[in-house]
Amino acid sequence: STDQMTLVWSDANGVACLRLQGTLARALLPSQTAQ
């Protein structure tokens, strides 16, 4: 384990493993979802 935090995002479009440094993770996450 490291100090860097990761996010595993899953929805109807698939599964993505994202590192949270920078703005890439926020940009890839959908702004709106059906639920």
PDB file of all heavy atoms in Angstrom:
ATOM      1  N   SER A   1       0.830  -1.197   0.000  1.00  0.00           N
ATOM      2  CA  SER A   1       0.000   0.000   0.000  1.00  0.00           C
ATOM      3  C   SER A   1       0.869   1.252   0.000  1.00  0.00           C
ATOM      4  O   SER A   1       1.977   1.282   0.550  1.00  0.00           O
ATOM      5  CB  SER A   1      -0.918  -0.006   1.228  1.00  0.00           C
ATOM      6  OG  SER A   1      -1.777  -1.124   1.207  1.00  0.00           O
ATOM      7  N   THR A   2       0.365   2.303  -0.618  1.00  0.00           N
ATOM      8  CA  THR A   2       1.049   3.596  -0.657  1.00  0.00           C
ATOM      9  C   THR A   2       0.111   4.667  -0.122  1.00  0.00           C
ATOM     10  O   THR A   2      -1.059   4.409   0.165  1.00  0.00           O
ATOM     11  CB  THR A   2       1.464   3.937  -2.099  1.00  0.00           C
ATOM     12  OG1 THR A   2       0.277   4.130  -2.894  1.00  0.00           O
ATOM     13  CG2 THR A   2       2.285   2.812  -2.719  1.00  0.00           C
ATOM     14  N   ASP A   3       0.641   5.881   0.015  1.00  0.00           N
ATOM     15  CA  ASP A   3      -0.181   6.981   0.503  1.00  0.00           C
ATOM     16  C   ASP A   3      -1.122   7.532  -0.550  1.00  0.00           C
ATOM     17  O   ASP A   3      -2.003   8.327  -0.253  1.00  0.00           O
ATOM     18  CB  ASP A   3       0.725   8.116   1.013  1.00  0.00           C
ATOM     19  CG  ASP A   3       1.533   7.678   2.226  1.00  0.00           C
ATOM     20  OD1 ASP A   3       1.053   6.756   2.931  1.00  0.00           O
ATOM     21  OD2 ASP A   3       2.614   8.234   2.452  1.00  0.00           O
ATOM     22  N   GLN A   4      -0.899   7.154  -1.805  1.00  0.00           N
ATOM     23  CA  GLN A   4      -1.736   7.666  -2.880  1.00  0.00           C
ATOM     24  C   GLN A   4      -3.085   6.948  -2.878  1.00  0.00           C
ATOM     25  O   GLN A   4      -3.155   5.728  -2.776  1.00  0.00           O
ATOM     26  CB  GLN A   4      -1.037   7.458  -4.220  1.00  0.00           C
ATOM     27  CG  GLN A   4       0.267   8.225  -4.353  1.00  0.00           C
ATOM     28  CD  GLN A   4       0.953   7.943  -5.674  1.00  0.00           C
ATOM     29  OE1 GLN A   4       0.553   7.066  -6.414  1.00  0.00           O
ATOM     30  NE2 GLN A   4       1.998   8.730  -5.963  1.00  0.00           N
ATOM     31  N   MET A   5      -4.159   7.701  -2.997  1.00  0.00           N
ATOM     32  CA  MET A   5      -5.497   7.148  -2.980  1.00  0.00           C
ATOM     33  C   MET A   5      -5.964   6.876  -4.403  1.00  0.00           C
ATOM     34  O   MET A   5      -5.682   7.639  -5.336  1.00  0.00           O
ATOM     35  CB  MET A   5      -6.457   8.131  -2.282  1.00  0.00           C
ATOM     36  CG  MET A   5      -7.862   7.571  -2.082  1.00  0.00           C
ATOM     37  SD  MET A   5      -8.892   8.659  -1.057  1.00  0.00           S
ATOM     38  CE  MET A   5      -8.889  10.184  -2.026  1.00  0.00           C
ATOM     39  N   THR A   6      -6.670   5.767  -4.585  1.00  0.00           N
ATOM     40  CA  THR A   6      -7.206   5.408  -5.898  1.00  0.00           C
ATOM     41  C   THR A   6      -8.723   5.290  -5.809  1.00  0.00           C
ATOM     42  O   THR A   6      -9.289   5.087  -4.729  1.00  0.00           O
ATOM     43  CB  THR A   6      -6.625   4.076  -6.396  1.00  0.00           C
ATOM     44  OG1 THR A   6      -6.971   3.039  -5.470  1.00  0.00           O
ATOM     45  CG2 THR A   6      -5.114   4.165  -6.531  1.00  0.00           C
ATOM     46  N   LEU A   7      -9.344   5.382  -6.957  1.00  0.00           N
ATOM     47  CA  LEU A   7     -10.788   5.262  -7.049  1.00  0.00           C
ATOM     48  C   LEU A   7     -11.125   4.218  -8.103  1.00  0.00           C
ATOM     49  O   LEU A   7     -10.625   4.273  -9.228  1.00  0.00           O
ATOM     50  CB  LEU A   7     -11.423   6.610  -7.426  1.00  0.00           C
ATOM     51  CG  LEU A   7     -12.913   6.577  -7.804  1.00  0.00           C
ATOM     52  CD1 LEU A   7     -13.773   6.140  -6.624  1.00  0.00           C
ATOM     53  CD2 LEU A   7     -13.362   7.949  -8.326  1.00  0.00           C
ATOM     54  N   VAL A   8     -11.968   3.274  -7.744  1.00  0.00           N
ATOM     55  CA  VAL A   8     -12.501   2.288  -8.694  1.00  0.00           C
ATOM     56  C   VAL A   8     -13.935   2.699  -8.997  1.00  0.00           C
ATOM     57  O   VAL A   8     -14.785   2.713  -8.103  1.00  0.00           O
ATOM     58  CB  VAL A   8     -12.449   0.861  -8.117  1.00  0.00           C
ATOM     59  CG1 VAL A   8     -13.049  -0.126  -9.115  1.00  0.00           C
ATOM     60  CG2 VAL A   8     -11.020   0.471  -7.775  1.00  0.00           C
ATOM     61  N   TRP A   9     -14.155   3.059 -10.256  1.00  0.00           N
ATOM     62  CA  TRP A   9     -15.478   3.529 -10.677  1.00  0.00           C
ATOM     63  C   TRP A   9     -16.086   2.487 -11.626  1.00  0.00           C
ATOM     64  O   TRP A   9     -15.451   2.045 -12.583  1.00  0.00           O
ATOM     65  CB  TRP A   9     -15.365   4.876 -11.380  1.00  0.00           C
ATOM     66  CG  TRP A   9     -16.672   5.332 -11.986  1.00  0.00           C
ATOM     67  CD1 TRP A   9     -17.043   5.272 -13.283  1.00  0.00           C
ATOM     68  CD2 TRP A   9     -17.777   5.912 -11.281  1.00  0.00           C
ATOM     69  NE1 TRP A   9     -18.303   5.780 -13.456  1.00  0.00           N
ATOM     70  CE2 TRP A   9     -18.783   6.179 -12.230  1.00  0.00           C
ATOM     71  CE3 TRP A   9     -18.006   6.247  -9.949  1.00  0.00           C
ATOM     72  CZ2 TRP A   9     -19.995   6.751 -11.889  1.00  0.00           C
ATOM     73  CZ3 TRP A   9     -19.224   6.816  -9.601  1.00  0.00           C
ATOM     74  CH2 TRP A   9     -20.197   7.069 -10.570  1.00  0.00           C
ATOM     75  N   SER A  10     -17.322   2.067 -11.329  1.00  0.00           N
ATOM     76  CA  SER A  10     -18.023   1.102 -12.186  1.00  0.00           C
ATOM     77  C   SER A  10     -19.426   1.600 -12.464  1.00  0.00           C
ATOM     78  O   SER A  10     -20.118   2.091 -11.572  1.00  0.00           O
ATOM     79  CB  SER A  10     -18.072  -0.280 -11.515  1.00  0.00           C
ATOM     80  OG  SER A  10     -18.762  -0.220 -10.278  1.00  0.00           O
ATOM     81  N   ASP A  11     -19.815   1.494 -13.716  1.00  0.00           N
ATOM     82  CA  ASP A  11     -21.175   1.837 -14.125  1.00  0.00           C
ATOM     83  C   ASP A  11     -21.508   1.012 -15.353  1.00  0.00           C
ATOM     84  O   ASP A  11     -20.817   0.028 -15.671  1.00  0.00           O
ATOM     85  CB  ASP A  11     -21.322   3.338 -14.370  1.00  0.00           C
ATOM     86  CG  ASP A  11     -20.375   3.846 -15.450  1.00  0.00           C
ATOM     87  OD1 ASP A  11     -19.737   3.016 -16.136  1.00  0.00           O
ATOM     88  OD2 ASP A  11     -20.265   5.079 -15.615  1.00  0.00           O
ATOM     89  N   ALA A  12     -22.552   1.402 -16.058  1.00  0.00           N
ATOM     90  CA  ALA A  12     -22.979   0.636 -17.226  1.00  0.00           C
ATOM     91  C   ALA A  12     -21.978   0.685 -18.363  1.00  0.00           C
ATOM     92  O   ALA A  12     -22.063  -0.118 -19.301  1.00  0.00           O
ATOM     93  CB  ALA A  12     -24.345   1.150 -17.711  1.00  0.00           C
ATOM     94  N   ASN A  13     -21.008   1.588 -18.302  1.00  0.00           N
ATOM     95  CA  ASN A  13     -20.009   1.712 -19.362  1.00  0.00           C
ATOM     96  C   ASN A  13     -18.732   0.937 -19.081  1.00  0.00           C
ATOM     97  O   ASN A  13     -17.813   0.937 -19.901  1.00  0.00           O
ATOM     98  CB  ASN A  13     -19.668   3.190 -19.590  1.00  0.00           C
ATOM     99  CG  ASN A  13     -20.874   3.985 -20.055  1.00  0.00           C
ATOM    100  OD1 ASN A  13     -21.622   3.514 -20.920  1.00  0.00           O
ATOM    101  ND2 ASN A  13     -21.080   5.167 -19.495  1.00  0.00           N
ATOM    102  N   GLY A  14     -18.630   0.299 -17.910  1.00  0.00           N
ATOM    103  CA  GLY A  14     -17.447  -0.482 -17.614  1.00  0.00           C
ATOM    104  C   GLY A  14     -16.883  -0.170 -16.259  1.00  0.00           C
ATOM    105  O   GLY A  14     -17.547   0.410 -15.379  1.00  0.00           O
ATOM    106  N   VAL A  15     -15.608  -0.539 -16.057  1.00  0.00           N
ATOM    107  CA  VAL A  15     -14.905  -0.354 -14.786  1.00  0.00           C
ATOM    108  C   VAL A  15     -13.614   0.400 -15.070  1.00  0.00           C
ATOM    109  O   VAL A  15     -12.879   0.058 -16.015  1.00  0.00           O
ATOM    110  CB  VAL A  15     -14.597  -1.697 -14.104  1.00  0.00           C
ATOM    111  CG1 VAL A  15     -13.839  -1.487 -12.803  1.00  0.00           C
ATOM    112  CG2 VAL A  15     -15.885  -2.474 -13.843  1.00  0.00           C
ATOM    113  N   ALA A  16     -13.324   1.406 -14.247  1.00  0.00           N
ATOM    114  CA  ALA A  16     -12.103   2.196 -14.422  1.00  0.00           C
ATOM    115  C   ALA A  16     -11.388   2.332 -13.084  1.00  0.00           C
ATOM    116  O   ALA A  16     -12.029   2.575 -12.057  1.00  0.00           O
ATOM    117  CB  ALA A  16     -12.431   3.577 -14.981  1.00  0.00           C
ATOM    118  N   CYS A  17     -10.057   2.168 -13.107  1.00  0.00           N
ATOM    119  CA  CYS A  17      -9.222   2.382 -11.920  1.00  0.00           C
ATOM    120  C   CYS A  17      -8.488   3.716 -12.108  1.00  0.00           C
ATOM    121  O   CYS A  17      -7.692   3.858 -13.046  1.00  0.00           O
ATOM    122  CB  CYS A  17      -8.236   1.229 -11.754  1.00  0.00           C
ATOM    123  SG  CYS A  17      -9.020  -0.367 -11.468  1.00  0.00           S
ATOM    124  N   LEU A  18      -8.761   4.671 -11.238  1.00  0.00           N
ATOM    125  CA  LEU A  18      -8.271   6.028 -11.424  1.00  0.00           C
ATOM    126  C   LEU A  18      -7.408   6.460 -10.237  1.00  0.00           C
ATOM    127  O   LEU A  18      -7.760   6.195  -9.076  1.00  0.00           O
ATOM    128  CB  LEU A  18      -9.448   7.008 -11.566  1.00  0.00           C
ATOM    129  CG  LEU A  18     -10.488   6.671 -12.648  1.00  0.00           C
ATOM    130  CD1 LEU A  18     -11.668   7.614 -12.547  1.00  0.00           C
ATOM    131  CD2 LEU A  18      -9.865   6.745 -14.033  1.00  0.00           C
ATOM    132  N   ARG A  19      -6.281   7.116 -10.530  1.00  0.00           N
ATOM    133  CA  ARG A  19      -5.492   7.775  -9.485  1.00  0.00           C
ATOM    134  C   ARG A  19      -6.051   9.193  -9.325  1.00  0.00           C
ATOM    135  O   ARG A  19      -6.432   9.831 -10.304  1.00  0.00           O
ATOM    136  CB  ARG A  19      -4.025   7.799  -9.865  1.00  0.00           C
ATOM    137  CG  ARG A  19      -3.379   6.416  -9.879  1.00  0.00           C
ATOM    138  CD  ARG A  19      -1.896   6.491 -10.097  1.00  0.00           C
ATOM    139  NE  ARG A  19      -1.289   5.172 -10.113  1.00  0.00           N
ATOM    140  CZ  ARG A  19      -0.878   4.512  -9.030  1.00  0.00           C
ATOM    141  NH1 ARG A  19      -1.015   5.093  -7.834  1.00  0.00           N
ATOM    142  NH2 ARG A  19      -0.338   3.322  -9.121  1.00  0.00           N
ATOM    143  N   LEU A  20      -6.061   9.678  -8.114  1.00  0.00           N
ATOM    144  CA  LEU A  20      -6.750  10.934  -7.830  1.00  0.00           C
ATOM    145  C   LEU A  20      -5.834  12.148  -7.837  1.00  0.00           C
ATOM    146  O   LEU A  20      -6.276  13.240  -7.496  1.00  0.00           O
ATOM    147  CB  LEU A  20      -7.470  10.827  -6.474  1.00  0.00           C
ATOM    148  CG  LEU A  20      -8.510   9.692  -6.389  1.00  0.00           C
ATOM    149  CD1 LEU A  20      -9.248   9.767  -5.063  1.00  0.00           C
ATOM    150  CD2 LEU A  20      -9.496   9.761  -7.550  1.00  0.00           C
ATOM    151  N   GLN A  21      -4.561  11.982  -8.206  1.00  0.00           N
ATOM    152  CA  GLN A  21      -3.699  13.148  -8.343  1.00  0.00           C
ATOM    153  C   GLN A  21      -4.084  13.909  -9.606  1.00  0.00           C
ATOM    154  O   GLN A  21      -4.307  13.329 -10.662  1.00  0.00           O
ATOM    155  CB  GLN A  21      -2.225  12.719  -8.421  1.00  0.00           C
ATOM    156  CG  GLN A  21      -1.671  12.197  -7.102  1.00  0.00           C
ATOM    157  CD  GLN A  21      -2.197  10.810  -6.767  1.00  0.00           C
ATOM    158  OE1 GLN A  21      -2.538  10.057  -7.664  1.00  0.00           O
ATOM    159  NE2 GLN A  21      -2.251  10.496  -5.480  1.00  0.00           N
ATOM    160  N   GLY A  22      -4.161  15.186  -9.491  1.00  0.00           N
ATOM    161  CA  GLY A  22      -4.518  16.011 -10.634  1.00  0.00           C
ATOM    162  C   GLY A  22      -6.017  16.054 -10.851  1.00  0.00           C
ATOM    163  O   GLY A  22      -6.811  15.738  -9.975  1.00  0.00           O
ATOM    164  N   THR A  23      -6.408  16.459 -12.050  1.00  0.00           N
ATOM    165  CA  THR A  23      -7.826  16.661 -12.368  1.00  0.00           C
ATOM    166  C   THR A  23      -8.377  15.609 -13.322  1.00  0.00           C
ATOM    167  O   THR A  23      -9.531  15.683 -13.721  1.00  0.00           O
ATOM    168  CB  THR A  23      -8.014  18.047 -13.001  1.00  0.00           C
ATOM    169  OG1 THR A  23      -7.226  18.119 -14.205  1.00  0.00           O
ATOM    170  CG2 THR A  23      -7.570  19.140 -12.025  1.00  0.00           C
ATOM    171  N   LEU A  24      -7.566  14.616 -13.680  1.00  0.00           N
ATOM    172  CA  LEU A  24      -8.023  13.638 -14.670  1.00  0.00           C
ATOM    173  C   LEU A  24      -9.204  12.832 -14.148  1.00  0.00           C
ATOM    174  O   LEU A  24     -10.170  12.603 -14.882  1.00  0.00           O
ATOM    175  CB  LEU A  24      -6.874  12.703 -15.047  1.00  0.00           C
ATOM    176  CG  LEU A  24      -7.223  11.597 -16.069  1.00  0.00           C
ATOM    177  CD1 LEU A  24      -7.701  12.218 -17.374  1.00  0.00           C
ATOM    178  CD2 LEU A  24      -6.040  10.667 -16.284  1.00  0.00           C
ATOM    179  N   ALA A  25      -9.154  12.427 -12.884  1.00  0.00           N
ATOM    180  CA  ALA A  25     -10.230  11.599 -12.335  1.00  0.00           C
ATOM    181  C   ALA A  25     -11.562  12.341 -12.367  1.00  0.00           C
ATOM    182  O   ALA A  25     -12.587  11.785 -12.769  1.00  0.00           O
ATOM    183  CB  ALA A  25      -9.887  11.180 -10.907  1.00  0.00           C
ATOM    184  N   ARG A  26     -11.544  13.626 -11.965  1.00  0.00           N
ATOM    185  CA  ARG A  26     -12.795  14.397 -11.985  1.00  0.00           C
ATOM    186  C   ARG A  26     -13.300  14.586 -13.408  1.00  0.00           C
ATOM    187  O   ARG A  26     -14.499  14.593 -13.658  1.00  0.00           O
ATOM    188  CB  ARG A  26     -12.591  15.748 -11.321  1.00  0.00           C
ATOM    189  CG  ARG A  26     -12.281  15.648  -9.826  1.00  0.00           C
ATOM    190  CD  ARG A  26     -12.262  17.023  -9.188  1.00  0.00           C
ATOM    191  NE  ARG A  26     -11.865  16.972  -7.801  1.00  0.00           N
ATOM    192  CZ  ARG A  26     -12.686  16.689  -6.792  1.00  0.00           C
ATOM    193  NH1 ARG A  26     -13.960  16.439  -7.047  1.00  0.00           N
ATOM    194  NH2 ARG A  26     -12.236  16.667  -5.551  1.00  0.00           N
ATOM    195  N   ALA A  27     -12.391  14.718 -14.327  1.00  0.00           N
ATOM    196  CA  ALA A  27     -12.806  14.917 -15.716  1.00  0.00           C
ATOM    197  C   ALA A  27     -13.413  13.648 -16.310  1.00  0.00           C
ATOM    198  O   ALA A  27     -14.331  13.723 -17.143  1.00  0.00           O
ATOM    199  CB  ALA A  27     -11.608  15.371 -16.553  1.00  0.00           C
ATOM    200  N   LEU A  28     -12.904  12.481 -15.892  1.00  0.00           N
ATOM    201  CA  LEU A  28     -13.418  11.225 -16.444  1.00  0.00           C
ATOM    202  C   LEU A  28     -14.723  10.784 -15.820  1.00  0.00           C
ATOM    203  O   LEU A  28     -15.506  10.070 -16.440  1.00  0.00           O
ATOM    204  CB  LEU A  28     -12.365  10.123 -16.271  1.00  0.00           C
ATOM    205  CG  LEU A  28     -11.080  10.285 -17.093  1.00  0.00           C
ATOM    206  CD1 LEU A  28     -10.115   9.158 -16.792  1.00  0.00           C
ATOM    207  CD2 LEU A  28     -11.395  10.328 -18.595  1.00  0.00           C
ATOM    208  N   LEU A  29     -14.995  11.194 -14.582  1.00  0.00           N
ATOM    209  CA  LEU A  29     -16.239  10.797 -13.939  1.00  0.00           C
ATOM    210  C   LEU A  29     -17.416  11.511 -14.587  1.00  0.00           C
ATOM    211  O   LEU A  29     -17.354  12.713 -14.838  1.00  0.00           O
ATOM    212  CB  LEU A  29     -16.200  11.116 -12.446  1.00  0.00           C
ATOM    213  CG  LEU A  29     -15.261  10.255 -11.592  1.00  0.00           C
ATOM    214  CD1 LEU A  29     -15.332  10.702 -10.137  1.00  0.00           C
ATOM    215  CD2 LEU A  29     -15.637   8.786 -11.702  1.00  0.00           C
ATOM    216  N   PRO A  30     -18.504  10.811 -14.845  1.00  0.00           N
ATOM    217  CA  PRO A  30     -19.671  11.472 -15.434  1.00  0.00           C
ATOM    218  C   PRO A  30     -20.272  12.476 -14.470  1.00  0.00           C
ATOM    219  O   PRO A  30     -20.358  12.220 -13.259  1.00  0.00           O
ATOM    220  CB  PRO A  30     -20.636  10.315 -15.728  1.00  0.00           C
ATOM    221  CG  PRO A  30     -20.222   9.231 -14.777  1.00  0.00           C
ATOM    222  CD  PRO A  30     -18.733   9.381 -14.620  1.00  0.00           C
ATOM    223  N   SER A  31     -20.663  13.613 -14.999  1.00  0.00           N
ATOM    224  CA  SER A  31     -21.230  14.659 -14.140  1.00  0.00           C
ATOM    225  C   SER A  31     -22.638  14.323 -13.696  1.00  0.00           C
ATOM    226  O   SER A  31     -23.086  14.718 -12.630  1.00  0.00           O
ATOM    227  CB  SER A  31     -21.236  16.001 -14.886  1.00  0.00           C
ATOM    228  OG  SER A  31     -21.985  15.887 -16.100  1.00  0.00           O
ATOM    229  N   GLN A  32     -23.348  13.561 -14.536  1.00  0.00           N
ATOM    230  CA  GLN A  32     -24.720  13.198 -14.193  1.00  0.00           C
ATOM    231  C   GLN A  32     -24.924  11.713 -14.505  1.00  0.00           C
ATOM    232  O   GLN A  32     -24.402  11.196 -15.500  1.00  0.00           O
ATOM    233  CB  GLN A  32     -25.744  14.026 -14.993  1.00  0.00           C
ATOM    234  CG  GLN A  32     -25.735  15.500 -14.621  1.00  0.00           C
ATOM    235  CD  GLN A  32     -26.801  16.259 -15.380  1.00  0.00           C
ATOM    236  OE1 GLN A  32     -27.405  15.739 -16.316  1.00  0.00           O
ATOM    237  NE2 GLN A  32     -27.034  17.501 -14.978  1.00  0.00           N
ATOM    238  N   THR A  33     -25.649  11.021 -13.665  1.00  0.00           N
ATOM    239  CA  THR A  33     -25.996   9.624 -13.886  1.00  0.00           C
ATOM    240  C   THR A  33     -27.491   9.438 -13.708  1.00  0.00           C
ATOM    241  O   THR A  33     -28.179  10.283 -13.125  1.00  0.00           O
ATOM    242  CB  THR A  33     -25.243   8.710 -12.900  1.00  0.00           C
ATOM    243  OG1 THR A  33     -25.551   9.127 -11.558  1.00  0.00           O
ATOM    244  CG2 THR A  33     -23.739   8.791 -13.115  1.00  0.00           C
ATOM    245  N   ALA A  34     -28.003   8.349 -14.240  1.00  0.00           N
ATOM    246  CA  ALA A  34     -29.442   8.104 -14.164  1.00  0.00           C
ATOM    247  C   ALA A  34     -29.907   7.965 -12.717  1.00  0.00           C
ATOM    248  O   ALA A  34     -31.052   8.270 -12.397  1.00  0.00           O
ATOM    249  CB  ALA A  34     -29.797   6.843 -14.958  1.00  0.00           C
ATOM    250  N   GLN A  35     -29.048   7.508 -11.837  1.00  0.00           N
ATOM    251  CA  GLN A  35     -29.389   7.382 -10.432  1.00  0.00           C
ATOM    252  C   GLN A  35     -28.150   7.696  -9.595  1.00  0.00           C
ATOM    253  O   GLN A  35     -27.033   7.596 -10.085  1.00  0.00           O
ATOM    254  CB  GLN A  35     -29.915   5.981 -10.119  1.00  0.00           C
ATOM    255  CG  GLN A  35     -29.018   4.849 -10.592  1.00  0.00           C
ATOM    256  CD  GLN A  35     -29.662   3.497 -10.379  1.00  0.00           C
ATOM    257  OE1 GLN A  35     -30.140   3.202  -9.288  1.00  0.00           O
ATOM    258  NE2 GLN A  35     -29.681   2.681 -11.421  1.00  0.00           N
TER     259      GLN A  35
END
